[in-house]
PDB file of N, CA and C in Angstrom:
ATOM      1  N   MET A   1      -3.424  83.915  12.243  1.00  0.00           N
ATOM      2  CA  MET A   1      -4.853  84.160  12.379  1.00  0.00           C
ATOM      3  C   MET A   1      -5.552  82.867  12.769  1.00  0.00           C
ATOM      4  N   ILE A   2      -6.367  82.939  13.799  1.00  0.00           N
ATOM      5  CA  ILE A   2      -7.155  81.786  14.204  1.00  0.00           C
ATOM      6  C   ILE A   2      -8.494  81.887  13.495  1.00  0.00           C
ATOM      7  N   GLY A   3      -8.914  80.810  12.872  1.00  0.00           N
ATOM      8  CA  GLY A   3     -10.182  80.788  12.148  1.00  0.00           C
ATOM      9  C   GLY A   3     -11.019  79.606  12.575  1.00  0.00           C
ATOM     10  N   ALA A   4     -12.151  79.491  11.947  1.00  0.00           N
ATOM     11  CA  ALA A   4     -13.076  78.406  12.267  1.00  0.00           C
ATOM     12  C   ALA A   4     -12.806  77.198  11.388  1.00  0.00           C
ATOM     13  N   ILE A   5     -12.924  76.041  11.986  1.00  0.00           N
ATOM     14  CA  ILE A   5     -12.850  74.776  11.247  1.00  0.00           C
ATOM     15  C   ILE A   5     -14.152  74.038  11.531  1.00  0.00           C
ATOM     16  N   LEU A   6     -14.851  73.671  10.471  1.00  0.00           N
ATOM     17  CA  LEU A   6     -16.124  72.977  10.598  1.00  0.00           C
ATOM     18  C   LEU A   6     -16.051  71.708   9.776  1.00  0.00           C
ATOM     19  N   GLY A   7     -16.425  70.595  10.375  1.00  0.00           N
ATOM     20  CA  GLY A   7     -16.358  69.340   9.646  1.00  0.00           C
ATOM     21  C   GLY A   7     -17.474  68.397  10.039  1.00  0.00           C
ATOM     22  N   TYR A   8     -17.741  67.445   9.168  1.00  0.00           N
ATOM     23  CA  TYR A   8     -18.738  66.424   9.443  1.00  0.00           C
ATOM     24  C   TYR A   8     -18.404  65.195   8.613  1.00  0.00           C
ATOM     25  N   SER A   9     -18.978  64.064   8.992  1.00  0.00           N
ATOM     26  CA  SER A   9     -18.758  62.829   8.250  1.00  0.00           C
ATOM     27  C   SER A   9     -20.001  62.507   7.429  1.00  0.00           C
ATOM     28  N   ASP A  10     -19.814  61.727   6.371  1.00  0.00           N
ATOM     29  CA  ASP A  10     -20.968  61.358   5.544  1.00  0.00           C
ATOM     30  C   ASP A  10     -21.778  60.229   6.181  1.00  0.00           C
ATOM     31  N   LEU A  11     -21.227  59.565   7.190  1.00  0.00           N
ATOM     32  CA  LEU A  11     -21.929  58.518   7.933  1.00  0.00           C
ATOM     33  C   LEU A  11     -21.832  58.839   9.416  1.00  0.00           C
ATOM     34  N   ILE A  12     -22.839  58.448  10.180  1.00  0.00           N
ATOM     35  CA  ILE A  12     -22.811  58.662  11.624  1.00  0.00           C
ATOM     36  C   ILE A  12     -21.918  57.623  12.310  1.00  0.00           C
ATOM     37  N   SER A  13     -21.772  56.451  11.684  1.00  0.00           N
ATOM     38  CA  SER A  13     -20.895  55.407  12.198  1.00  0.00           C
ATOM     39  C   SER A  13     -20.541  54.472  11.039  1.00  0.00           C
ATOM     40  N   ALA A  14     -19.530  53.668  11.245  1.00  0.00           N
ATOM     41  CA  ALA A  14     -19.108  52.721  10.209  1.00  0.00           C
ATOM     42  C   ALA A  14     -18.586  51.458  10.878  1.00  0.00           C
ATOM     43  N   ARG A  15     -18.773  50.329  10.205  1.00  0.00           N
ATOM     44  CA  ARG A  15     -18.249  49.057  10.676  1.00  0.00           C
ATOM     45  C   ARG A  15     -16.804  48.916  10.192  1.00  0.00           C
ATOM     46  N   PRO A  16     -16.041  48.037  10.804  1.00  0.00           N
ATOM     47  CA  PRO A  16     -14.673  47.798  10.334  1.00  0.00           C
ATOM     48  C   PRO A  16     -14.674  47.453   8.841  1.00  0.00           C
ATOM     49  N   GLY A  17     -13.827  48.130   8.084  1.00  0.00           N
ATOM     50  CA  GLY A  17     -13.718  47.887   6.648  1.00  0.00           C
ATOM     51  C   GLY A  17     -14.581  48.803   5.800  1.00  0.00           C
ATOM     52  N   GLU A  18     -15.609  49.429   6.393  1.00  0.00           N
ATOM     53  CA  GLU A  18     -16.438  50.370   5.648  1.00  0.00           C
ATOM     54  C   GLU A  18     -15.722  51.705   5.518  1.00  0.00           C
ATOM     55  N   GLU A  19     -15.971  52.389   4.405  1.00  0.00           N
ATOM     56  CA  GLU A  19     -15.371  53.708   4.202  1.00  0.00           C
ATOM     57  C   GLU A  19     -16.279  54.780   4.743  1.00  0.00           C
ATOM     58  N   ILE A  20     -15.660  55.807   5.297  1.00  0.00           N
ATOM     59  CA  ILE A  20     -16.377  56.970   5.799  1.00  0.00           C
ATOM     60  C   ILE A  20     -15.607  58.197   5.318  1.00  0.00           C
ATOM     61  N   ALA A  21     -16.312  59.190   4.807  1.00  0.00           N
ATOM     62  CA  ALA A  21     -15.668  60.395   4.281  1.00  0.00           C
ATOM     63  C   ALA A  21     -15.934  61.560   5.229  1.00  0.00           C
ATOM     64  N   PHE A  22     -14.956  62.440   5.354  1.00  0.00           N
ATOM     65  CA  PHE A  22     -15.079  63.626   6.180  1.00  0.00           C
ATOM     66  C   PHE A  22     -14.992  64.857   5.306  1.00  0.00           C
ATOM     67  N   LYS A  23     -15.892  65.790   5.521  1.00  0.00           N
ATOM     68  CA  LYS A  23     -15.934  67.044   4.785  1.00  0.00           C
ATOM     69  C   LYS A  23     -15.529  68.145   5.755  1.00  0.00           C
ATOM     70  N   VAL A  24     -14.540  68.951   5.373  1.00  0.00           N
ATOM     71  CA  VAL A  24     -14.004  69.964   6.278  1.00  0.00           C
ATOM     72  C   VAL A  24     -13.918  71.307   5.560  1.00  0.00           C
ATOM     73  N   SER A  25     -14.322  72.360   6.245  1.00  0.00           N
ATOM     74  CA  SER A  25     -14.208  73.713   5.736  1.00  0.00           C
ATOM     75  C   SER A  25     -13.389  74.528   6.726  1.00  0.00           C
ATOM     76  N   CYS A  26     -12.411  75.286   6.219  1.00  0.00           N
ATOM     77  CA  CYS A  26     -11.555  76.114   7.069  1.00  0.00           C
ATOM     78  C   CYS A  26     -11.696  77.572   6.673  1.00  0.00           C
ATOM     79  N   ASP A  27     -11.915  78.422   7.644  1.00  0.00           N
ATOM     80  CA  ASP A  27     -11.902  79.867   7.429  1.00  0.00           C
ATOM     81  C   ASP A  27     -10.703  80.418   8.175  1.00  0.00           C
ATOM     82  N   GLY A  28      -9.591  80.503   7.492  1.00  0.00           N
ATOM     83  CA  GLY A  28      -8.395  81.056   8.124  1.00  0.00           C
ATOM     84  C   GLY A  28      -7.181  80.159   8.011  1.00  0.00           C
ATOM     85  N   PRO A  29      -7.181  79.004   8.690  1.00  0.00           N
ATOM     86  CA  PRO A  29      -5.967  78.184   8.674  1.00  0.00           C
ATOM     87  C   PRO A  29      -5.656  77.635   7.286  1.00  0.00           C
ATOM     88  N   GLU A  30      -4.369  77.640   6.951  1.00  0.00           N
ATOM     89  CA  GLU A  30      -3.945  77.055   5.671  1.00  0.00           C
ATOM     90  C   GLU A  30      -3.874  75.540   5.762  1.00  0.00           C
ATOM     91  N   HIS A  31      -3.671  75.019   6.979  1.00  0.00           N
ATOM     92  CA  HIS A  31      -3.590  73.578   7.200  1.00  0.00           C
ATOM     93  C   HIS A  31      -4.304  73.229   8.497  1.00  0.00           C
ATOM     94  N   TYR A  32      -4.691  71.984   8.606  1.00  0.00           N
ATOM     95  CA  TYR A  32      -5.230  71.474   9.861  1.00  0.00           C
ATOM     96  C   TYR A  32      -4.751  70.044  10.040  1.00  0.00           C
ATOM     97  N   ASP A  33      -4.654  69.626  11.297  1.00  0.00           N
ATOM     98  CA  ASP A  33      -4.257  68.260  11.626  1.00  0.00           C
ATOM     99  C   ASP A  33      -5.495  67.481  12.039  1.00  0.00           C
ATOM    100  N   ALA A  34      -5.646  66.289  11.506  1.00  0.00           N
ATOM    101  CA  ALA A  34      -6.790  65.435  11.825  1.00  0.00           C
ATOM    102  C   ALA A  34      -6.299  64.152  12.480  1.00  0.00           C
ATOM    103  N   THR A  35      -6.980  63.754  13.522  1.00  0.00           N
ATOM    104  CA  THR A  35      -6.691  62.503  14.209  1.00  0.00           C
ATOM    105  C   THR A  35      -8.017  61.801  14.485  1.00  0.00           C
ATOM    106  N   ILE A  36      -8.138  60.575  14.031  1.00  0.00           N
ATOM    107  CA  ILE A  36      -9.339  59.784  14.286  1.00  0.00           C
ATOM    108  C   ILE A  36      -9.187  59.134  15.656  1.00  0.00           C
ATOM    109  N   VAL A  37     -10.227  59.297  16.494  1.00  0.00           N
ATOM    110  CA  VAL A  37     -10.199  58.715  17.831  1.00  0.00           C
ATOM    111  C   VAL A  37     -11.467  57.908  18.067  1.00  0.00           C
ATOM    112  N   ARG A  38     -11.366  56.948  18.940  1.00  0.00           N
ATOM    113  CA  ARG A  38     -12.528  56.193  19.408  1.00  0.00           C
ATOM    114  C   ARG A  38     -12.886  56.769  20.776  1.00  0.00           C
ATOM    115  N   LEU A  39     -14.118  57.271  20.902  1.00  0.00           N
ATOM    116  CA  LEU A  39     -14.553  57.823  22.182  1.00  0.00           C
ATOM    117  C   LEU A  39     -15.111  56.715  23.056  1.00  0.00           C
ATOM    118  N   TRP A  40     -14.509  56.536  24.199  1.00  0.00           N
ATOM    119  CA  TRP A  40     -15.004  55.562  25.169  1.00  0.00           C
ATOM    120  C   TRP A  40     -15.986  56.244  26.099  1.00  0.00           C
ATOM    121  N   SER A  41     -15.766  57.520  26.353  1.00  0.00           N
ATOM    122  CA  SER A  41     -16.681  58.295  27.184  1.00  0.00           C
ATOM    123  C   SER A  41     -16.449  59.767  26.888  1.00  0.00           C
ATOM    124  N   ALA A  42     -17.523  60.490  26.622  1.00  0.00           N
ATOM    125  CA  ALA A  42     -17.424  61.925  26.383  1.00  0.00           C
ATOM    126  C   ALA A  42     -18.052  62.704  27.527  1.00  0.00           C
ATOM    127  N   VAL A  43     -18.342  62.020  28.625  1.00  0.00           N
ATOM    128  CA  VAL A  43     -18.952  62.650  29.789  1.00  0.00           C
ATOM    129  C   VAL A  43     -17.842  63.108  30.719  1.00  0.00           C
ATOM    130  N   ASP A  44     -17.612  64.409  30.743  1.00  0.00           N
ATOM    131  CA  ASP A  44     -16.548  64.969  31.582  1.00  0.00           C
ATOM    132  C   ASP A  44     -17.188  65.737  32.736  1.00  0.00           C
ATOM    133  N   GLU A  45     -17.846  64.993  33.618  1.00  0.00           N
ATOM    134  CA  GLU A  45     -18.507  65.573  34.780  1.00  0.00           C
ATOM    135  C   GLU A  45     -17.980  64.892  36.034  1.00  0.00           C
ATOM    136  N   PRO A  46     -18.048  65.561  37.179  1.00  0.00           N
ATOM    137  CA  PRO A  46     -17.530  64.959  38.417  1.00  0.00           C
ATOM    138  C   PRO A  46     -18.131  63.591  38.724  1.00  0.00           C
ATOM    139  N   GLU A  47     -19.423  63.388  38.439  1.00  0.00           N
ATOM    140  CA  GLU A  47     -20.074  62.116  38.743  1.00  0.00           C
ATOM    141  C   GLU A  47     -19.874  61.087  37.628  1.00  0.00           C
ATOM    142  N   GLY A  48     -19.351  61.524  36.478  1.00  0.00           N
ATOM    143  CA  GLY A  48     -19.210  60.632  35.329  1.00  0.00           C
ATOM    144  C   GLY A  48     -17.870  59.922  35.290  1.00  0.00           C
ATOM    145  N   PRO A  49     -17.682  59.074  34.296  1.00  0.00           N
ATOM    146  CA  PRO A  49     -16.440  58.316  34.169  1.00  0.00           C
ATOM    147  C   PRO A  49     -15.266  59.149  33.674  1.00  0.00           C
ATOM    148  N   GLY A  50     -15.527  60.363  33.214  1.00  0.00           N
ATOM    149  CA  GLY A  50     -14.461  61.208  32.682  1.00  0.00           C
ATOM    150  C   GLY A  50     -14.310  61.021  31.182  1.00  0.00           C
ATOM    151  N   PHE A  51     -13.685  61.983  30.553  1.00  0.00           N
ATOM    152  CA  PHE A  51     -13.469  61.937  29.109  1.00  0.00           C
ATOM    153  C   PHE A  51     -12.389  60.905  28.803  1.00  0.00           C
ATOM    154  N   ARG A  52     -12.722  59.928  27.950  1.00  0.00           N
ATOM    155  CA  ARG A  52     -11.748  58.890  27.591  1.00  0.00           C
ATOM    156  C   ARG A  52     -11.801  58.666  26.090  1.00  0.00           C
ATOM    157  N   GLU A  53     -10.642  58.670  25.467  1.00  0.00           N
ATOM    158  CA  GLU A  53     -10.542  58.435  24.036  1.00  0.00           C
ATOM    159  C   GLU A  53      -9.290  57.628  23.745  1.00  0.00           C
ATOM    160  N   ALA A  54      -9.273  56.992  22.574  1.00  0.00           N
ATOM    161  CA  ALA A  54      -8.094  56.239  22.121  1.00  0.00           C
ATOM    162  C   ALA A  54      -7.877  56.566  20.654  1.00  0.00           C
ATOM    163  N   VAL A  55      -6.654  56.901  20.296  1.00  0.00           N
ATOM    164  CA  VAL A  55      -6.313  57.209  18.905  1.00  0.00           C
ATOM    165  C   VAL A  55      -6.423  55.938  18.078  1.00  0.00           C
ATOM    166  N   VAL A  56      -7.061  56.041  16.915  1.00  0.00           N
ATOM    167  CA  VAL A  56      -7.179  54.927  15.981  1.00  0.00           C
ATOM    168  C   VAL A  56      -6.052  55.054  14.970  1.00  0.00           C
ATOM    169  N   ASP A  57      -5.264  54.006  14.819  1.00  0.00           N
ATOM    170  CA  ASP A  57      -4.143  54.013  13.867  1.00  0.00           C
ATOM    171  C   ASP A  57      -4.700  53.874  12.448  1.00  0.00           C
ATOM    172  N   THR A  58      -4.694  54.967  11.689  1.00  0.00           N
ATOM    173  CA  THR A  58      -5.246  54.970  10.339  1.00  0.00           C
ATOM    174  C   THR A  58      -4.481  55.946   9.460  1.00  0.00           C
ATOM    175  N   ASP A  59      -4.467  55.665   8.173  1.00  0.00           N
ATOM    176  CA  ASP A  59      -3.811  56.562   7.218  1.00  0.00           C
ATOM    177  C   ASP A  59      -4.507  57.914   7.128  1.00  0.00           C
ATOM    178  N   ALA A  60      -5.731  58.018   7.634  1.00  0.00           N
ATOM    179  CA  ALA A  60      -6.462  59.286   7.583  1.00  0.00           C
ATOM    180  C   ALA A  60      -5.884  60.319   8.549  1.00  0.00           C
ATOM    181  N   ASN A  61      -5.175  59.875   9.580  1.00  0.00           N
ATOM    182  CA  ASN A  61      -4.556  60.812  10.515  1.00  0.00           C
ATOM    183  C   ASN A  61      -3.448  61.560   9.794  1.00  0.00           C
ATOM    184  N   GLY A  62      -3.413  62.867   9.952  1.00  0.00           N
ATOM    185  CA  GLY A  62      -2.348  63.632   9.313  1.00  0.00           C
ATOM    186  C   GLY A  62      -2.712  65.083   9.109  1.00  0.00           C
ATOM    187  N   ARG A  63      -1.881  65.768   8.324  1.00  0.00           N
ATOM    188  CA  ARG A  63      -2.056  67.193   8.026  1.00  0.00           C
ATOM    189  C   ARG A  63      -2.719  67.332   6.670  1.00  0.00           C
ATOM    190  N   TYR A  64      -3.684  68.248   6.602  1.00  0.00           N
ATOM    191  CA  TYR A  64      -4.432  68.493   5.373  1.00  0.00           C
ATOM    192  C   TYR A  64      -4.424  69.989   5.046  1.00  0.00           C
ATOM    193  N   SER A  65      -4.500  70.307   3.785  1.00  0.00           N
ATOM    194  CA  SER A  65      -4.633  71.698   3.357  1.00  0.00           C
ATOM    195  C   SER A  65      -6.034  72.177   3.680  1.00  0.00           C
ATOM    196  N   GLY A  66      -6.106  73.374   4.256  1.00  0.00           N
ATOM    197  CA  GLY A  66      -7.404  73.931   4.587  1.00  0.00           C
ATOM    198  C   GLY A  66      -7.906  74.837   3.481  1.00  0.00           C
ATOM    199  N   ARG A  67      -9.203  74.821   3.258  1.00  0.00           N
ATOM    200  CA  ARG A  67      -9.826  75.724   2.290  1.00  0.00           C
ATOM    201  C   ARG A  67     -11.275  75.934   2.696  1.00  0.00           C
ATOM    202  N   HIS A  68     -11.796  77.072   2.318  1.00  0.00           N
ATOM    203  CA  HIS A  68     -13.188  77.362   2.629  1.00  0.00           C
ATOM    204  C   HIS A  68     -14.083  76.590   1.674  1.00  0.00           C
ATOM    205  N   GLN A  69     -15.033  75.892   2.239  1.00  0.00           N
ATOM    206  CA  GLN A  69     -16.048  75.195   1.454  1.00  0.00           C
ATOM    207  C   GLN A  69     -17.389  75.530   2.089  1.00  0.00           C
ATOM    208  N   PRO A  70     -18.321  76.075   1.316  1.00  0.00           N
ATOM    209  CA  PRO A  70     -19.613  76.427   1.900  1.00  0.00           C
ATOM    210  C   PRO A  70     -20.295  75.201   2.503  1.00  0.00           C
ATOM    211  N   VAL A  71     -20.865  75.378   3.664  1.00  0.00           N
ATOM    212  CA  VAL A  71     -21.620  74.314   4.334  1.00  0.00           C
ATOM    213  C   VAL A  71     -23.054  74.810   4.466  1.00  0.00           C
ATOM    214  N   HIS A  72     -23.964  74.120   3.857  1.00  0.00           N
ATOM    215  CA  HIS A  72     -25.372  74.464   3.935  1.00  0.00           C
ATOM    216  C   HIS A  72     -25.997  73.569   4.994  1.00  0.00           C
ATOM    217  N   ALA A  73     -26.017  74.080   6.215  1.00  0.00           N
ATOM    218  CA  ALA A  73     -26.500  73.279   7.332  1.00  0.00           C
ATOM    219  C   ALA A  73     -27.985  72.962   7.177  1.00  0.00           C
ATOM    220  N   GLY A  74     -28.344  71.814   7.636  1.00  0.00           N
ATOM    221  CA  GLY A  74     -29.734  71.404   7.589  1.00  0.00           C
ATOM    222  C   GLY A  74     -29.864  70.006   7.036  1.00  0.00           C
ATOM    223  N   SER A  75     -31.024  69.463   7.173  1.00  0.00           N
ATOM    224  CA  SER A  75     -31.294  68.118   6.696  1.00  0.00           C
ATOM    225  C   SER A  75     -32.509  68.150   5.786  1.00  0.00           C
ATOM    226  N   TRP A  76     -32.547  67.234   4.863  1.00  0.00           N
ATOM    227  CA  TRP A  76     -33.701  67.147   3.981  1.00  0.00           C
ATOM    228  C   TRP A  76     -33.822  65.737   3.448  1.00  0.00           C
ATOM    229  N   ILE A  77     -34.985  65.417   2.945  1.00  0.00           N
ATOM    230  CA  ILE A  77     -35.227  64.127   2.325  1.00  0.00           C
ATOM    231  C   ILE A  77     -36.163  64.353   1.150  1.00  0.00           C
ATOM    232  N   ASP A  78     -35.926  63.642   0.079  1.00  0.00           N
ATOM    233  CA  ASP A  78     -36.767  63.719  -1.110  1.00  0.00           C
ATOM    234  C   ASP A  78     -37.395  62.348  -1.308  1.00  0.00           C
ATOM    235  N   ILE A  79     -38.701  62.260  -1.124  1.00  0.00           N
ATOM    236  CA  ILE A  79     -39.419  60.995  -1.269  1.00  0.00           C
ATOM    237  C   ILE A  79     -40.180  61.048  -2.588  1.00  0.00           C
ATOM    238  N   PRO A  80     -39.872  60.160  -3.527  1.00  0.00           N
ATOM    239  CA  PRO A  80     -40.569  60.193  -4.816  1.00  0.00           C
ATOM    240  C   PRO A  80     -42.040  59.842  -4.654  1.00  0.00           C
ATOM    241  N   PRO A  81     -42.881  60.327  -5.585  1.00  0.00           N
ATOM    242  CA  PRO A  81     -44.311  59.996  -5.508  1.00  0.00           C
ATOM    243  C   PRO A  81     -44.520  58.479  -5.456  1.00  0.00           C
ATOM    244  N   SER A  82     -45.524  58.091  -4.679  1.00  0.00           N
ATOM    245  CA  SER A  82     -45.814  56.673  -4.515  1.00  0.00           C
ATOM    246  C   SER A  82     -47.317  56.479  -4.347  1.00  0.00           C
ATOM    247  N   PRO A  83     -47.876  55.429  -4.948  1.00  0.00           N
ATOM    248  CA  PRO A  83     -49.299  55.132  -4.739  1.00  0.00           C
ATOM    249  C   PRO A  83     -49.632  54.918  -3.265  1.00  0.00           C
ATOM    250  N   ALA A  84     -48.657  54.465  -2.477  1.00  0.00           N
ATOM    251  CA  ALA A  84     -48.902  54.229  -1.060  1.00  0.00           C
ATOM    252  C   ALA A  84     -49.313  55.519  -0.356  1.00  0.00           C
ATOM    253  N   PHE A  85     -48.731  56.652  -0.752  1.00  0.00           N
ATOM    254  CA  PHE A  85     -49.111  57.921  -0.140  1.00  0.00           C
ATOM    255  C   PHE A  85     -50.470  58.392  -0.656  1.00  0.00           C
ATOM    256  N   ALA A  86     -50.754  58.167  -1.918  1.00  0.00           N
ATOM    257  CA  ALA A  86     -52.028  58.604  -2.501  1.00  0.00           C
ATOM    258  C   ALA A  86     -53.213  57.898  -1.864  1.00  0.00           C
ATOM    259  N   GLU A  87     -53.008  56.688  -1.365  1.00  0.00           N
ATOM    260  CA  GLU A  87     -54.103  55.902  -0.795  1.00  0.00           C
ATOM    261  C   GLU A  87     -54.306  56.126   0.704  1.00  0.00           C
ATOM    262  N   LEU A  88     -53.482  56.945   1.316  1.00  0.00           N
ATOM    263  CA  LEU A  88     -53.607  57.188   2.754  1.00  0.00           C
ATOM    264  C   LEU A  88     -54.848  58.007   3.070  1.00  0.00           C
ATOM    265  N   SER A  89     -55.510  57.673   4.162  1.00  0.00           N
ATOM    266  CA  SER A  89     -56.632  58.491   4.608  1.00  0.00           C
ATOM    267  C   SER A  89     -56.176  59.505   5.654  1.00  0.00           C
ATOM    268  N   SER A  90     -54.998  59.262   6.253  1.00  0.00           N
ATOM    269  CA  SER A  90     -54.412  60.230   7.178  1.00  0.00           C
ATOM    270  C   SER A  90     -52.893  60.071   7.141  1.00  0.00           C
ATOM    271  N   PHE A  91     -52.213  61.096   7.598  1.00  0.00           N
ATOM    272  CA  PHE A  91     -50.754  61.102   7.552  1.00  0.00           C
ATOM    273  C   PHE A  91     -50.262  62.018   8.667  1.00  0.00           C
ATOM    274  N   THR A  92     -49.259  61.591   9.414  1.00  0.00           N
ATOM    275  CA  THR A  92     -48.696  62.408  10.481  1.00  0.00           C
ATOM    276  C   THR A  92     -47.256  62.746  10.129  1.00  0.00           C
ATOM    277  N   PHE A  93     -46.908  64.009  10.287  1.00  0.00           N
ATOM    278  CA  PHE A  93     -45.555  64.484  10.038  1.00  0.00           C
ATOM    279  C   PHE A  93     -45.104  65.241  11.276  1.00  0.00           C
ATOM    280  N   ALA A  94     -43.937  64.926  11.803  1.00  0.00           N
ATOM    281  CA  ALA A  94     -43.402  65.621  12.966  1.00  0.00           C
ATOM    282  C   ALA A  94     -42.087  66.280  12.573  1.00  0.00           C
ATOM    283  N   CYS A  95     -41.865  67.471  13.079  1.00  0.00           N
ATOM    284  CA  CYS A  95     -40.660  68.213  12.720  1.00  0.00           C
ATOM    285  C   CYS A  95     -40.193  69.011  13.929  1.00  0.00           C
ATOM    286  N   ALA A  96     -38.934  68.852  14.286  1.00  0.00           N
ATOM    287  CA  ALA A  96     -38.328  69.682  15.319  1.00  0.00           C
ATOM    288  C   ALA A  96     -37.351  70.614  14.608  1.00  0.00           C
ATOM    289  N   PHE A  97     -37.472  71.898  14.842  1.00  0.00           N
ATOM    290  CA  PHE A  97     -36.592  72.828  14.148  1.00  0.00           C
ATOM    291  C   PHE A  97     -36.139  73.932  15.085  1.00  0.00           C
ATOM    292  N   TRP A  98     -35.051  74.574  14.691  1.00  0.00           N
ATOM    293  CA  TRP A  98     -34.479  75.670  15.449  1.00  0.00           C
ATOM    294  C   TRP A  98     -34.400  76.842  14.493  1.00  0.00           C
ATOM    295  N   PRO A  99     -35.245  77.846  14.655  1.00  0.00           N
ATOM    296  CA  PRO A  99     -35.317  78.945  13.688  1.00  0.00           C
ATOM    297  C   PRO A  99     -34.104  79.878  13.778  1.00  0.00           C
ATOM    298  N   THR A 100     -33.044  79.533  13.062  1.00  0.00           N
ATOM    299  CA  THR A 100     -31.810  80.319  13.125  1.00  0.00           C
ATOM    300  C   THR A 100     -31.675  81.329  11.994  1.00  0.00           C
ATOM    301  N   THR A 101     -32.586  81.299  11.019  1.00  0.00           N
ATOM    302  CA  THR A 101     -32.483  82.249   9.907  1.00  0.00           C
ATOM    303  C   THR A 101     -33.822  82.941   9.638  1.00  0.00           C
ATOM    304  N   PRO A 102     -34.446  83.549  10.653  1.00  0.00           N
ATOM    305  CA  PRO A 102     -35.744  84.188  10.416  1.00  0.00           C
ATOM    306  C   PRO A 102     -35.658  85.357   9.438  1.00  0.00           C
ATOM    307  N   GLN A 103     -34.469  85.958   9.300  1.00  0.00           N
ATOM    308  CA  GLN A 103     -34.312  87.072   8.374  1.00  0.00           C
ATOM    309  C   GLN A 103     -34.477  86.645   6.916  1.00  0.00           C
ATOM    310  N   ARG A 104     -34.449  85.355   6.625  1.00  0.00           N
ATOM    311  CA  ARG A 104     -34.628  84.868   5.258  1.00  0.00           C
ATOM    312  C   ARG A 104     -36.097  84.802   4.855  1.00  0.00           C
ATOM    313  N   GLY A 105     -36.998  85.084   5.771  1.00  0.00           N
ATOM    314  CA  GLY A 105     -38.422  85.067   5.450  1.00  0.00           C
ATOM    315  C   GLY A 105     -38.969  83.654   5.511  1.00  0.00           C
ATOM    316  N   GLU A 106     -40.078  83.443   4.782  1.00  0.00           N
ATOM    317  CA  GLU A 106     -40.733  82.148   4.806  1.00  0.00           C
ATOM    318  C   GLU A 106     -39.832  81.064   4.223  1.00  0.00           C
ATOM    319  N   GLN A 107     -39.826  79.901   4.871  1.00  0.00           N
ATOM    320  CA  GLN A 107     -39.052  78.754   4.422  1.00  0.00           C
ATOM    321  C   GLN A 107     -39.922  77.510   4.550  1.00  0.00           C
ATOM    322  N   VAL A 108     -39.699  76.553   3.690  1.00  0.00           N
ATOM    323  CA  VAL A 108     -40.506  75.337   3.676  1.00  0.00           C
ATOM    324  C   VAL A 108     -39.971  74.342   4.703  1.00  0.00           C
ATOM    325  N   LEU A 109     -40.868  73.809   5.526  1.00  0.00           N
ATOM    326  CA  LEU A 109     -40.519  72.729   6.441  1.00  0.00           C
ATOM    327  C   LEU A 109     -41.027  71.399   5.895  1.00  0.00           C
ATOM    328  N   PHE A 110     -42.123  71.443   5.143  1.00  0.00           N
ATOM    329  CA  PHE A 110     -42.703  70.235   4.564  1.00  0.00           C
ATOM    330  C   PHE A 110     -43.528  70.655   3.356  1.00  0.00           C
ATOM    331  N   GLY A 111     -43.397  69.907   2.287  1.00  0.00           N
ATOM    332  CA  GLY A 111     -44.184  70.258   1.105  1.00  0.00           C
ATOM    333  C   GLY A 111     -44.402  69.050   0.206  1.00  0.00           C
ATOM    334  N   THR A 112     -45.381  69.178  -0.674  1.00  0.00           N
ATOM    335  CA  THR A 112     -45.638  68.122  -1.659  1.00  0.00           C
ATOM    336  C   THR A 112     -45.751  68.770  -3.020  1.00  0.00           C
TER     337      THR A 112
END
């Protein structure tokens, strides 16, 4: 059975020596193979340089047991109360969103 594999890292990038964790959820496969690569170019177009990658030699490369783990997609931030906000005379908030769950009814995009 072919299933979905969804994964993400806890950091968008890391410096040499820094740790980065990967979270993976599998719907179907009992195992998956992971290989860490350095992308030199992900542009695979006729006018572009072409897709280029190099395998990174790391202990993280290998076979892992697959299991379903719920992934709650989305981003959020919790900013604790601060006098700096109470003293503002104006405040601008910008939000770009993609309404993928309208069947859930009203949802909060920003609140205090």
